[in-house]
Amino acid sequence: MSARQFVNDPDEFIPQALEGLRLAHPHLIQVSADPALVLRTPKDGDPLKVALVSGGGSGHEPLHTGFVGLGMLDAAIPGAVFASPTAYQIRAGIKAVDRGRGVLLIVKNYTGDVLNFSIAAELAREENIEVEIVLVDDDLATDGGDEGGPGRRGTAAVVAVEKICGAAAERGASLSELAELGRRVVASSRTMALALRACTHPGQQRPSFDLADDEVEFGVGIHGERGVGQHPFGPASELVPALAQPVVEALGLQRGESVIAIVNGLGSTHALELAVVHRELSAFLEGVGVRIERALVGSYVTALDMQGCSITLVRCDSTLLELWNAPVRTPALAW
């Protein structure tokens, strides 16, 4: 017997979910079925701005489809579960939102995403659409140094890139300015994640990996990948510092510096648990003299029904804080 989920037909899972998202937020988004696209609903008085496009495999919701709207994305391109959208889809999304000022592609560092977004960018340039790519690679668990391979994976820092660049785009920033800003946010961000239980793909019988009752998996990925090792299960007061310490060290954060903190649930972690995680993170950072200027606590970059969390820290200054604070209105994020 497969895992019990609210699914009619696994082959229709994503189209039906997109239809449900459209029905819930018709004032914010529009949905194209073929190719699959989620587009910002145009409004009278919308600025003539650089368009922001992101996307990737489904299963990470609300990323990216939930972040289409004022102050974030103009289009999200959803693939199948944990599979990149096609270059054809991405090219169609670029053409749908380009208004003559260029398009910024925000791409998580996974081989399929990088390949297909790059191909789509070249196709768009052949049609005289200006395109820049910002590659998000914040996952500390896959920082292999000079060992080769694709490098760090892209995870929850993509939310900060989309939010901060989205605010700057609304203010009229140029394509080159947005690309520089996005790369600055990426360079200022690192993430570490852990899982208490792995995810189960729609229609499958077993989770993607097994853990003993007294183990947690450190350094997991958002596609159900195993991490860098198992640690003993313990209270949040022990697990959270073990997650946060390497992030602080990787960013070289010093006493007196400030961060935006993202405490992210991986799919089936309750809001009460995430609040406790944030409490412990706040205490840990206070102990090392790092100030949390802004916090985002909730499930924003998920791995289907994985039980776990990630911690993302973004070194920030007054410019990034001002852009973070700017208005946003999307299905999943609004202030």
C-alpha atoms as a PDB file:
ATOM      1  CA  MET A   1       0.000   0.000   0.000  1.00  0.00           C
ATOM      2  CA  SER A   2       1.404   3.413  -0.950  1.00  0.00           C
ATOM      3  CA  ALA A   3       1.664   6.237   1.561  1.00  0.00           C
ATOM      4  CA  ARG A   4      -1.698   7.922   2.164  1.00  0.00           C
ATOM      5  CA  GLN A   5      -1.781  11.342   0.498  1.00  0.00           C
ATOM      6  CA  PHE A   6      -4.394  13.684  -0.967  1.00  0.00           C
ATOM      7  CA  VAL A   7      -3.641  12.599  -4.534  1.00  0.00           C
ATOM      8  CA  ASN A   8      -6.057  11.570  -7.285  1.00  0.00           C
ATOM      9  CA  ASP A   9      -3.609  10.439  -9.958  1.00  0.00           C
ATOM     10  CA  PRO A  10       0.165  10.853  -9.501  1.00  0.00           C
ATOM     11  CA  ASP A  11       0.453  11.776 -13.195  1.00  0.00           C
ATOM     12  CA  GLU A  12      -2.012  14.653 -12.702  1.00  0.00           C
ATOM     13  CA  PHE A  13      -0.684  15.746  -9.315  1.00  0.00           C
ATOM     14  CA  ILE A  14       1.104  18.914 -10.472  1.00  0.00           C
ATOM     15  CA  PRO A  15      -1.526  20.157 -12.986  1.00  0.00           C
ATOM     16  CA  GLN A  16      -4.292  19.701 -10.422  1.00  0.00           C
ATOM     17  CA  ALA A  17      -2.240  21.438  -7.718  1.00  0.00           C
ATOM     18  CA  LEU A  18      -1.578  24.386 -10.039  1.00  0.00           C
ATOM     19  CA  GLU A  19      -5.280  24.629 -10.809  1.00  0.00           C
ATOM     20  CA  GLY A  20      -6.025  24.701  -7.097  1.00  0.00           C
ATOM     21  CA  LEU A  21      -3.444  27.443  -6.553  1.00  0.00           C
ATOM     22  CA  ARG A  22      -5.045  29.524  -9.309  1.00  0.00           C
ATOM     23  CA  LEU A  23      -8.509  29.064  -7.875  1.00  0.00           C
ATOM     24  CA  ALA A  24      -7.279  30.204  -4.465  1.00  0.00           C
ATOM     25  CA  HIS A  25      -5.445  33.325  -5.714  1.00  0.00           C
ATOM     26  CA  PRO A  26      -6.963  34.563  -9.008  1.00  0.00           C
ATOM     27  CA  HIS A  27      -6.250  38.184  -8.072  1.00  0.00           C
ATOM     28  CA  LEU A  28      -2.530  37.447  -7.710  1.00  0.00           C
ATOM     29  CA  ILE A  29      -1.653  34.795 -10.293  1.00  0.00           C
ATOM     30  CA  GLN A  30      -2.583  33.267 -13.619  1.00  0.00           C
ATOM     31  CA  VAL A  31      -1.755  29.692 -14.627  1.00  0.00           C
ATOM     32  CA  SER A  32      -0.916  28.338 -18.059  1.00  0.00           C
ATOM     33  CA  ALA A  33      -1.448  24.596 -18.461  1.00  0.00           C
ATOM     34  CA  ASP A  34       0.681  23.957 -21.567  1.00  0.00           C
ATOM     35  CA  PRO A  35       3.410  24.796 -20.996  1.00  0.00           C
ATOM     36  CA  ALA A  36       3.013  24.892 -17.228  1.00  0.00           C
ATOM     37  CA  LEU A  37       3.622  28.474 -16.031  1.00  0.00           C
ATOM     38  CA  VAL A  38       2.513  30.565 -13.064  1.00  0.00           C
ATOM     39  CA  LEU A  39       2.366  34.260 -13.991  1.00  0.00           C
ATOM     40  CA  ARG A  40       1.735  37.428 -12.052  1.00  0.00           C
ATOM     41  CA  THR A  41      -1.726  38.850 -12.716  1.00  0.00           C
ATOM     42  CA  PRO A  42      -1.203  42.241 -14.371  1.00  0.00           C
ATOM     43  CA  LYS A  43      -2.654  45.343 -12.737  1.00  0.00           C
ATOM     44  CA  ASP A  44      -3.285  48.839 -14.035  1.00  0.00           C
ATOM     45  CA  GLY A  45      -0.352  50.999 -13.085  1.00  0.00           C
ATOM     46  CA  ASP A  46       2.185  48.155 -12.873  1.00  0.00           C
ATOM     47  CA  PRO A  47       5.672  49.627 -13.386  1.00  0.00           C
ATOM     48  CA  LEU A  48       7.677  48.973 -16.526  1.00  0.00           C
ATOM     49  CA  LYS A  49      10.291  46.863 -14.785  1.00  0.00           C
ATOM     50  CA  VAL A  50      12.810  44.092 -15.181  1.00  0.00           C
ATOM     51  CA  ALA A  51      10.979  40.758 -14.895  1.00  0.00           C
ATOM     52  CA  LEU A  52      12.047  38.115 -12.384  1.00  0.00           C
ATOM     53  CA  VAL A  53      11.675  34.428 -13.271  1.00  0.00           C
ATOM     54  CA  SER A  54      12.534  31.366 -11.223  1.00  0.00           C
ATOM     55  CA  GLY A  55      11.468  27.758 -11.057  1.00  0.00           C
ATOM     56  CA  GLY A  56      12.521  24.181 -10.656  1.00  0.00           C
ATOM     57  CA  GLY A  57      11.083  20.848  -9.691  1.00  0.00           C
ATOM     58  CA  SER A  58       7.774  20.726  -7.868  1.00  0.00           C
ATOM     59  CA  GLY A  59       7.624  19.350  -4.356  1.00  0.00           C
ATOM     60  CA  HIS A  60       9.264  22.409  -2.765  1.00  0.00           C
ATOM     61  CA  GLU A  61       6.114  24.507  -2.406  1.00  0.00           C
ATOM     62  CA  PRO A  62       5.485  27.264  -1.692  1.00  0.00           C
ATOM     63  CA  LEU A  63       8.758  27.718  -3.605  1.00  0.00           C
ATOM     64  CA  HIS A  64       8.518  29.006  -6.359  1.00  0.00           C
ATOM     65  CA  THR A  65       4.881  29.217  -7.400  1.00  0.00           C
ATOM     66  CA  GLY A  66       3.834  30.736  -4.085  1.00  0.00           C
ATOM     67  CA  PHE A  67       6.222  33.659  -4.545  1.00  0.00           C
ATOM     68  CA  VAL A  68       4.702  35.117  -7.714  1.00  0.00           C
ATOM     69  CA  GLY A  69       3.290  38.588  -7.217  1.00  0.00           C
ATOM     70  CA  LEU A  70       4.068  42.125  -6.117  1.00  0.00           C
ATOM     71  CA  GLY A  71       7.610  42.485  -4.855  1.00  0.00           C
ATOM     72  CA  MET A  72       8.867  39.037  -5.892  1.00  0.00           C
ATOM     73  CA  LEU A  73       8.542  36.947  -9.054  1.00  0.00           C
ATOM     74  CA  ASP A  74       6.780  37.709 -12.320  1.00  0.00           C
ATOM     75  CA  ALA A  75       6.808  34.035 -13.328  1.00  0.00           C
ATOM     76  CA  ALA A  76       7.513  30.639 -11.783  1.00  0.00           C
ATOM     77  CA  ILE A  77       8.226  27.616 -13.965  1.00  0.00           C
ATOM     78  CA  PRO A  78       7.262  24.309 -12.276  1.00  0.00           C
ATOM     79  CA  GLY A  79       8.690  20.980 -13.362  1.00  0.00           C
ATOM     80  CA  ALA A  80       7.513  17.537 -12.327  1.00  0.00           C
ATOM     81  CA  VAL A  81       8.229  16.462  -8.749  1.00  0.00           C
ATOM     82  CA  PHE A  82      11.954  17.018  -8.122  1.00  0.00           C
ATOM     83  CA  ALA A  83      12.595  17.416 -11.872  1.00  0.00           C
ATOM     84  CA  SER A  84      13.701  20.526 -13.740  1.00  0.00           C
ATOM     85  CA  PRO A  85      11.268  22.312 -16.031  1.00  0.00           C
ATOM     86  CA  THR A  86      12.178  22.079 -19.691  1.00  0.00           C
ATOM     87  CA  ALA A  87      14.061  24.752 -21.595  1.00  0.00           C
ATOM     88  CA  TYR A  88      10.907  25.168 -23.704  1.00  0.00           C
ATOM     89  CA  GLN A  89       8.849  25.953 -20.604  1.00  0.00           C
ATOM     90  CA  ILE A  90      11.412  28.422 -19.312  1.00  0.00           C
ATOM     91  CA  ARG A  91      11.708  30.160 -22.681  1.00  0.00           C
ATOM     92  CA  ALA A  92       7.918  30.522 -22.780  1.00  0.00           C
ATOM     93  CA  GLY A  93       7.960  32.014 -19.289  1.00  0.00           C
ATOM     94  CA  ILE A  94      10.652  34.522 -20.247  1.00  0.00           C
ATOM     95  CA  LYS A  95       8.696  35.643 -23.315  1.00  0.00           C
ATOM     96  CA  ALA A  96       5.456  35.903 -21.315  1.00  0.00           C
ATOM     97  CA  VAL A  97       6.843  38.406 -18.797  1.00  0.00           C
ATOM     98  CA  ASP A  98       9.463  40.393 -20.722  1.00  0.00           C
ATOM     99  CA  ARG A  99       8.400  44.035 -21.012  1.00  0.00           C
ATOM    100  CA  GLY A 100      11.464  45.348 -22.763  1.00  0.00           C
ATOM    101  CA  ARG A 101      13.762  45.886 -19.781  1.00  0.00           C
ATOM    102  CA  GLY A 102      15.154  42.369 -19.612  1.00  0.00           C
ATOM    103  CA  VAL A 103      14.627  39.275 -17.481  1.00  0.00           C
ATOM    104  CA  LEU A 104      16.522  38.073 -14.413  1.00  0.00           C
ATOM    105  CA  LEU A 105      16.598  34.286 -13.990  1.00  0.00           C
ATOM    106  CA  ILE A 106      17.095  33.113 -10.395  1.00  0.00           C
ATOM    107  CA  VAL A 107      18.337  29.520 -10.566  1.00  0.00           C
ATOM    108  CA  LYS A 108      19.129  27.022  -7.815  1.00  0.00           C
ATOM    109  CA  ASN A 109      22.372  25.140  -8.391  1.00  0.00           C
ATOM    110  CA  TYR A 110      21.205  21.740  -9.630  1.00  0.00           C
ATOM    111  CA  THR A 111      22.484  20.236 -12.867  1.00  0.00           C
ATOM    112  CA  GLY A 112      19.130  20.032 -14.663  1.00  0.00           C
ATOM    113  CA  ASP A 113      18.025  23.524 -13.621  1.00  0.00           C
ATOM    114  CA  VAL A 114      21.336  25.106 -14.598  1.00  0.00           C
ATOM    115  CA  LEU A 115      21.340  23.373 -17.981  1.00  0.00           C
ATOM    116  CA  ASN A 116      17.736  24.145 -18.938  1.00  0.00           C
ATOM    117  CA  PHE A 117      17.698  27.724 -17.674  1.00  0.00           C
ATOM    118  CA  SER A 118      20.978  28.380 -19.525  1.00  0.00           C
ATOM    119  CA  ILE A 119      19.584  26.976 -22.777  1.00  0.00           C
ATOM    120  CA  ALA A 120      16.414  29.043 -22.372  1.00  0.00           C
ATOM    121  CA  ALA A 121      18.479  32.169 -21.706  1.00  0.00           C
ATOM    122  CA  GLU A 122      20.413  31.664 -24.947  1.00  0.00           C
ATOM    123  CA  LEU A 123      17.216  31.114 -26.909  1.00  0.00           C
ATOM    124  CA  ALA A 124      15.754  34.296 -25.449  1.00  0.00           C
ATOM    125  CA  ARG A 125      18.887  36.287 -26.301  1.00  0.00           C
ATOM    126  CA  GLU A 126      18.560  35.095 -29.894  1.00  0.00           C
ATOM    127  CA  GLU A 127      15.165  36.832 -29.849  1.00  0.00           C
ATOM    128  CA  ASN A 128      16.782  40.044 -28.534  1.00  0.00           C
ATOM    129  CA  ILE A 129      15.588  39.646 -24.956  1.00  0.00           C
ATOM    130  CA  GLU A 130      18.240  40.650 -22.424  1.00  0.00           C
ATOM    131  CA  VAL A 131      18.730  37.926 -19.804  1.00  0.00           C
ATOM    132  CA  GLU A 132      20.955  37.591 -16.748  1.00  0.00           C
ATOM    133  CA  ILE A 133      21.275  34.544 -14.463  1.00  0.00           C
ATOM    134  CA  VAL A 134      21.840  34.543 -10.712  1.00  0.00           C
ATOM    135  CA  LEU A 135      22.933  31.115  -9.457  1.00  0.00           C
ATOM    136  CA  VAL A 136      21.969  30.332  -5.860  1.00  0.00           C
ATOM    137  CA  ASP A 137      24.381  27.925  -4.115  1.00  0.00           C
ATOM    138  CA  ASP A 138      23.971  28.334  -0.368  1.00  0.00           C
ATOM    139  CA  ASP A 139      23.907  24.737   0.930  1.00  0.00           C
ATOM    140  CA  LEU A 140      26.879  24.305   3.246  1.00  0.00           C
ATOM    141  CA  ALA A 141      26.578  20.510   3.340  1.00  0.00           C
ATOM    142  CA  THR A 142      27.681  20.289  -0.296  1.00  0.00           C
ATOM    143  CA  ASP A 143      30.587  22.725  -0.079  1.00  0.00           C
ATOM    144  CA  GLY A 144      33.238  20.480  -1.596  1.00  0.00           C
ATOM    145  CA  GLY A 145      35.940  23.096  -2.055  1.00  0.00           C
ATOM    146  CA  ASP A 146      38.190  22.158  -4.982  1.00  0.00           C
ATOM    147  CA  GLU A 147      36.997  18.554  -5.262  1.00  0.00           C
ATOM    148  CA  GLY A 148      35.062  19.192  -8.461  1.00  0.00           C
ATOM    149  CA  GLY A 149      31.409  18.384  -9.046  1.00  0.00           C
ATOM    150  CA  PRO A 150      28.513  20.804  -9.344  1.00  0.00           C
ATOM    151  CA  GLY A 151      29.303  22.626  -6.088  1.00  0.00           C
ATOM    152  CA  ARG A 152      26.959  23.768  -3.354  1.00  0.00           C
ATOM    153  CA  ARG A 153      23.257  23.098  -3.895  1.00  0.00           C
ATOM    154  CA  GLY A 154      20.727  25.914  -3.951  1.00  0.00           C
ATOM    155  CA  THR A 155      18.280  25.887  -1.046  1.00  0.00           C
ATOM    156  CA  ALA A 156      16.409  28.376   1.154  1.00  0.00           C
ATOM    157  CA  ALA A 157      18.594  31.414   0.415  1.00  0.00           C
ATOM    158  CA  VAL A 158      16.693  31.581  -2.874  1.00  0.00           C
ATOM    159  CA  VAL A 159      13.798  33.121  -0.908  1.00  0.00           C
ATOM    160  CA  ALA A 160      16.036  36.001   0.167  1.00  0.00           C
ATOM    161  CA  VAL A 161      17.296  36.497  -3.392  1.00  0.00           C
ATOM    162  CA  GLU A 162      13.766  36.573  -4.817  1.00  0.00           C
ATOM    163  CA  LYS A 163      12.482  38.918  -2.104  1.00  0.00           C
ATOM    164  CA  ILE A 164      15.371  41.397  -2.161  1.00  0.00           C
ATOM    165  CA  CYS A 165      15.748  41.475  -5.957  1.00  0.00           C
ATOM    166  CA  GLY A 166      11.975  41.632  -6.332  1.00  0.00           C
ATOM    167  CA  ALA A 167      11.838  44.766  -4.189  1.00  0.00           C
ATOM    168  CA  ALA A 168      14.676  46.373  -6.133  1.00  0.00           C
ATOM    169  CA  ALA A 169      12.963  45.566  -9.433  1.00  0.00           C
ATOM    170  CA  GLU A 170       9.771  47.277  -8.262  1.00  0.00           C
ATOM    171  CA  ARG A 171      11.895  50.386  -7.591  1.00  0.00           C
ATOM    172  CA  GLY A 172      13.214  50.435 -11.151  1.00  0.00           C
ATOM    173  CA  ALA A 173      16.637  48.803 -10.821  1.00  0.00           C
ATOM    174  CA  SER A 174      18.274  47.812 -14.093  1.00  0.00           C
ATOM    175  CA  LEU A 175      18.962  44.227 -15.132  1.00  0.00           C
ATOM    176  CA  SER A 176      22.689  44.533 -14.428  1.00  0.00           C
ATOM    177  CA  GLU A 177      22.015  46.109 -11.024  1.00  0.00           C
ATOM    178  CA  LEU A 178      19.642  43.280 -10.105  1.00  0.00           C
ATOM    179  CA  ALA A 179      22.116  40.609 -11.183  1.00  0.00           C
ATOM    180  CA  GLU A 180      24.837  42.207  -9.063  1.00  0.00           C
ATOM    181  CA  LEU A 181      22.471  42.510  -6.099  1.00  0.00           C
ATOM    182  CA  GLY A 182      21.341  38.894  -6.384  1.00  0.00           C
ATOM    183  CA  ARG A 183      24.919  37.617  -6.493  1.00  0.00           C
ATOM    184  CA  ARG A 184      25.729  39.719  -3.450  1.00  0.00           C
ATOM    185  CA  VAL A 185      22.861  38.123  -1.509  1.00  0.00           C
ATOM    186  CA  VAL A 186      24.002  34.646  -2.556  1.00  0.00           C
ATOM    187  CA  ALA A 187      27.579  35.345  -1.450  1.00  0.00           C
ATOM    188  CA  SER A 188      26.247  36.557   1.913  1.00  0.00           C
ATOM    189  CA  SER A 189      24.118  33.433   2.573  1.00  0.00           C
ATOM    190  CA  ARG A 190      24.656  29.891   3.813  1.00  0.00           C
ATOM    191  CA  THR A 191      22.227  27.132   4.824  1.00  0.00           C
ATOM    192  CA  MET A 192      22.320  23.872   6.780  1.00  0.00           C
ATOM    193  CA  ALA A 193      19.450  21.382   7.129  1.00  0.00           C
ATOM    194  CA  LEU A 194      18.559  18.289   9.125  1.00  0.00           C
ATOM    195  CA  ALA A 195      15.824  15.678   8.842  1.00  0.00           C
ATOM    196  CA  LEU A 196      14.029  13.678  11.500  1.00  0.00           C
ATOM    197  CA  ARG A 197      12.229  11.675   8.791  1.00  0.00           C
ATOM    198  CA  ALA A 198      12.730  11.461   5.026  1.00  0.00           C
ATOM    199  CA  CYS A 199      10.130  12.366   2.407  1.00  0.00           C
ATOM    200  CA  THR A 200       7.916   9.983   0.442  1.00  0.00           C
ATOM    201  CA  HIS A 201       7.288  10.575  -3.261  1.00  0.00           C
ATOM    202  CA  PRO A 202       3.650  10.610  -4.446  1.00  0.00           C
ATOM    203  CA  GLY A 203       2.491   7.065  -5.129  1.00  0.00           C
ATOM    204  CA  GLN A 204       5.529   5.464  -3.459  1.00  0.00           C
ATOM    205  CA  GLN A 205       5.444   3.076  -0.520  1.00  0.00           C
ATOM    206  CA  ARG A 206       8.634   3.994   1.333  1.00  0.00           C
ATOM    207  CA  PRO A 207      10.513   7.163   2.269  1.00  0.00           C
ATOM    208  CA  SER A 208      13.623   8.076   0.323  1.00  0.00           C
ATOM    209  CA  PHE A 209      15.870   6.870   3.162  1.00  0.00           C
ATOM    210  CA  ASP A 210      15.501   5.286   6.596  1.00  0.00           C
ATOM    211  CA  LEU A 211      16.593   6.593   9.983  1.00  0.00           C
ATOM    212  CA  ALA A 212      16.714   4.853  13.313  1.00  0.00           C
ATOM    213  CA  ASP A 213      14.515   6.270  16.048  1.00  0.00           C
ATOM    214  CA  ASP A 214      17.551   7.742  17.805  1.00  0.00           C
ATOM    215  CA  GLU A 215      19.117   9.326  14.685  1.00  0.00           C
ATOM    216  CA  VAL A 216      18.773  12.515  12.672  1.00  0.00           C
ATOM    217  CA  GLU A 217      20.313  13.152   9.252  1.00  0.00           C
ATOM    218  CA  PHE A 218      22.495  16.270   9.000  1.00  0.00           C
ATOM    219  CA  GLY A 219      23.015  18.094   5.702  1.00  0.00           C
ATOM    220  CA  VAL A 220      19.984  16.724   3.835  1.00  0.00           C
ATOM    221  CA  GLY A 221      18.964  18.123   0.464  1.00  0.00           C
ATOM    222  CA  ILE A 222      15.575  19.329  -0.675  1.00  0.00           C
ATOM    223  CA  HIS A 223      15.113  16.403  -3.089  1.00  0.00           C
ATOM    224  CA  GLY A 224      15.236  13.793  -0.362  1.00  0.00           C
ATOM    225  CA  GLU A 225      19.011  13.367  -0.614  1.00  0.00           C
ATOM    226  CA  ARG A 226      20.841  11.919   2.350  1.00  0.00           C
ATOM    227  CA  GLY A 227      23.109  14.302   4.185  1.00  0.00           C
ATOM    228  CA  VAL A 228      26.698  14.225   5.379  1.00  0.00           C
ATOM    229  CA  GLY A 229      26.055  11.930   8.344  1.00  0.00           C
ATOM    230  CA  GLN A 230      23.808  10.803  11.142  1.00  0.00           C
ATOM    231  CA  HIS A 231      23.787  12.445  14.565  1.00  0.00           C
ATOM    232  CA  PRO A 232      22.082  11.284  17.742  1.00  0.00           C
ATOM    233  CA  PHE A 233      18.601  12.666  18.225  1.00  0.00           C
ATOM    234  CA  GLY A 234      18.379  15.165  21.056  1.00  0.00           C
ATOM    235  CA  PRO A 235      16.546  18.253  22.286  1.00  0.00           C
ATOM    236  CA  ALA A 236      16.280  21.350  20.122  1.00  0.00           C
ATOM    237  CA  SER A 237      18.751  23.092  22.441  1.00  0.00           C
ATOM    238  CA  GLU A 238      21.420  20.667  21.176  1.00  0.00           C
ATOM    239  CA  LEU A 239      20.390  20.184  17.540  1.00  0.00           C
ATOM    240  CA  VAL A 240      19.982  23.874  16.641  1.00  0.00           C
ATOM    241  CA  PRO A 241      23.463  25.038  17.712  1.00  0.00           C
ATOM    242  CA  ALA A 242      24.931  22.073  15.825  1.00  0.00           C
ATOM    243  CA  LEU A 243      23.152  23.367  12.691  1.00  0.00           C
ATOM    244  CA  ALA A 244      23.925  27.042  13.229  1.00  0.00           C
ATOM    245  CA  GLN A 245      27.583  26.895  14.265  1.00  0.00           C
ATOM    246  CA  PRO A 246      28.957  25.801  10.858  1.00  0.00           C
ATOM    247  CA  VAL A 247      26.824  28.442   9.110  1.00  0.00           C
ATOM    248  CA  VAL A 248      28.235  31.193  11.326  1.00  0.00           C
ATOM    249  CA  GLU A 249      31.764  29.905  10.717  1.00  0.00           C
ATOM    250  CA  ALA A 250      31.299  29.604   6.944  1.00  0.00           C
ATOM    251  CA  LEU A 251      30.098  33.212   6.687  1.00  0.00           C
ATOM    252  CA  GLY A 252      32.831  34.400   9.027  1.00  0.00           C
ATOM    253  CA  LEU A 253      30.278  36.277  11.126  1.00  0.00           C
ATOM    254  CA  GLN A 254      31.805  38.405  13.871  1.00  0.00           C
ATOM    255  CA  ARG A 255      30.409  39.995  17.015  1.00  0.00           C
ATOM    256  CA  GLY A 256      28.348  43.041  16.195  1.00  0.00           C
ATOM    257  CA  GLU A 257      27.254  41.853  12.746  1.00  0.00           C
ATOM    258  CA  SER A 258      23.620  41.486  11.689  1.00  0.00           C
ATOM    259  CA  VAL A 259      21.725  38.807   9.758  1.00  0.00           C
ATOM    260  CA  ILE A 260      18.395  37.947   8.253  1.00  0.00           C
ATOM    261  CA  ALA A 261      17.517  34.514   9.652  1.00  0.00           C
ATOM    262  CA  ILE A 262      15.299  32.037   7.813  1.00  0.00           C
ATOM    263  CA  VAL A 263      14.089  29.087   9.890  1.00  0.00           C
ATOM    264  CA  ASN A 264      12.509  26.868   7.271  1.00  0.00           C
ATOM    265  CA  GLY A 265      10.361  23.776   7.664  1.00  0.00           C
ATOM    266  CA  LEU A 266      11.014  20.972   5.195  1.00  0.00           C
ATOM    267  CA  GLY A 267       7.399  19.910   4.741  1.00  0.00           C
ATOM    268  CA  SER A 268       5.820  18.315   7.797  1.00  0.00           C
ATOM    269  CA  THR A 269       7.416  20.150  10.701  1.00  0.00           C
ATOM    270  CA  HIS A 270       4.788  21.895  12.829  1.00  0.00           C
ATOM    271  CA  ALA A 271       4.864  25.657  13.349  1.00  0.00           C
ATOM    272  CA  LEU A 272       5.262  25.110  17.098  1.00  0.00           C
ATOM    273  CA  GLU A 273       8.460  23.160  16.476  1.00  0.00           C
ATOM    274  CA  LEU A 274       9.806  25.840  14.114  1.00  0.00           C
ATOM    275  CA  ALA A 275       9.105  28.485  16.755  1.00  0.00           C
ATOM    276  CA  VAL A 276      11.197  26.490  19.222  1.00  0.00           C
ATOM    277  CA  VAL A 277      13.971  26.193  16.618  1.00  0.00           C
ATOM    278  CA  HIS A 278      13.930  29.961  16.173  1.00  0.00           C
ATOM    279  CA  ARG A 279      14.053  30.458  19.937  1.00  0.00           C
ATOM    280  CA  GLU A 280      17.158  28.292  20.162  1.00  0.00           C
ATOM    281  CA  LEU A 281      18.739  29.961  17.134  1.00  0.00           C
ATOM    282  CA  SER A 282      18.151  33.387  18.677  1.00  0.00           C
ATOM    283  CA  ALA A 283      19.789  32.305  21.927  1.00  0.00           C
ATOM    284  CA  PHE A 284      22.762  30.802  20.090  1.00  0.00           C
ATOM    285  CA  LEU A 285      23.352  33.880  17.930  1.00  0.00           C
ATOM    286  CA  GLU A 286      23.001  36.185  20.918  1.00  0.00           C
ATOM    287  CA  GLY A 287      25.700  34.133  22.594  1.00  0.00           C
ATOM    288  CA  VAL A 288      28.137  34.729  19.741  1.00  0.00           C
ATOM    289  CA  GLY A 289      27.215  38.389  19.423  1.00  0.00           C
ATOM    290  CA  VAL A 290      25.298  38.227  16.108  1.00  0.00           C
ATOM    291  CA  ARG A 291      22.065  40.209  15.889  1.00  0.00           C
ATOM    292  CA  ILE A 292      18.967  38.934  14.055  1.00  0.00           C
ATOM    293  CA  GLU A 293      17.570  42.015  12.317  1.00  0.00           C
ATOM    294  CA  ARG A 294      14.719  40.205  10.589  1.00  0.00           C
ATOM    295  CA  ALA A 295      13.426  36.645  10.785  1.00  0.00           C
ATOM    296  CA  LEU A 296      11.282  34.460   8.558  1.00  0.00           C
ATOM    297  CA  VAL A 297       9.952  31.366  10.317  1.00  0.00           C
ATOM    298  CA  GLY A 298       7.778  28.842   8.506  1.00  0.00           C
ATOM    299  CA  SER A 299       7.732  26.268   5.695  1.00  0.00           C
ATOM    300  CA  TYR A 300       8.916  28.039   2.536  1.00  0.00           C
ATOM    301  CA  VAL A 301      11.293  25.626   0.758  1.00  0.00           C
ATOM    302  CA  THR A 302      10.046  22.105   1.388  1.00  0.00           C
ATOM    303  CA  ALA A 303      10.948  18.561   0.370  1.00  0.00           C
ATOM    304  CA  LEU A 304       7.454  17.092   0.027  1.00  0.00           C
ATOM    305  CA  ASP A 305       6.604  15.703   3.488  1.00  0.00           C
ATOM    306  CA  MET A 306      10.105  15.591   4.966  1.00  0.00           C
ATOM    307  CA  GLN A 307      10.128  16.206   8.716  1.00  0.00           C
ATOM    308  CA  GLY A 308      12.992  18.534   9.439  1.00  0.00           C
ATOM    309  CA  CYS A 309      14.216  22.093   9.156  1.00  0.00           C
ATOM    310  CA  SER A 310      16.914  24.274   7.669  1.00  0.00           C
ATOM    311  CA  ILE A 311      18.617  27.383   8.988  1.00  0.00           C
ATOM    312  CA  THR A 312      19.701  30.106   6.569  1.00  0.00           C
ATOM    313  CA  LEU A 313      21.663  33.165   7.636  1.00  0.00           C
ATOM    314  CA  VAL A 314      22.091  36.166   5.342  1.00  0.00           C
ATOM    315  CA  ARG A 315      24.658  38.773   6.363  1.00  0.00           C
ATOM    316  CA  CYS A 316      22.866  42.094   5.937  1.00  0.00           C
ATOM    317  CA  ASP A 317      23.256  45.852   6.006  1.00  0.00           C
ATOM    318  CA  SER A 318      20.844  48.783   5.822  1.00  0.00           C
ATOM    319  CA  THR A 319      20.391  48.424   2.048  1.00  0.00           C
ATOM    320  CA  LEU A 320      19.409  44.753   2.185  1.00  0.00           C
ATOM    321  CA  LEU A 321      17.162  45.373   5.198  1.00  0.00           C
ATOM    322  CA  GLU A 322      15.329  48.178   3.405  1.00  0.00           C
ATOM    323  CA  LEU A 323      14.672  45.913   0.420  1.00  0.00           C
ATOM    324  CA  TRP A 324      13.634  43.022   2.676  1.00  0.00           C
ATOM    325  CA  ASN A 325      11.151  45.308   4.440  1.00  0.00           C
ATOM    326  CA  ALA A 326       9.623  46.585   1.177  1.00  0.00           C
ATOM    327  CA  PRO A 327       6.014  45.555   0.436  1.00  0.00           C
ATOM    328  CA  VAL A 328       5.355  42.079  -0.932  1.00  0.00           C
ATOM    329  CA  ARG A 329       2.099  40.348  -1.827  1.00  0.00           C
ATOM    330  CA  THR A 330       2.199  36.787  -3.092  1.00  0.00           C
ATOM    331  CA  PRO A 331       0.207  33.644  -2.218  1.00  0.00           C
ATOM    332  CA  ALA A 332       2.844  32.575   0.327  1.00  0.00           C
ATOM    333  CA  LEU A 333       4.451  35.815   1.503  1.00  0.00           C
ATOM    334  CA  ALA A 334       2.812  39.168   2.208  1.00  0.00           C
ATOM    335  CA  TRP A 335       3.559  42.274   4.250  1.00  0.00           C
END
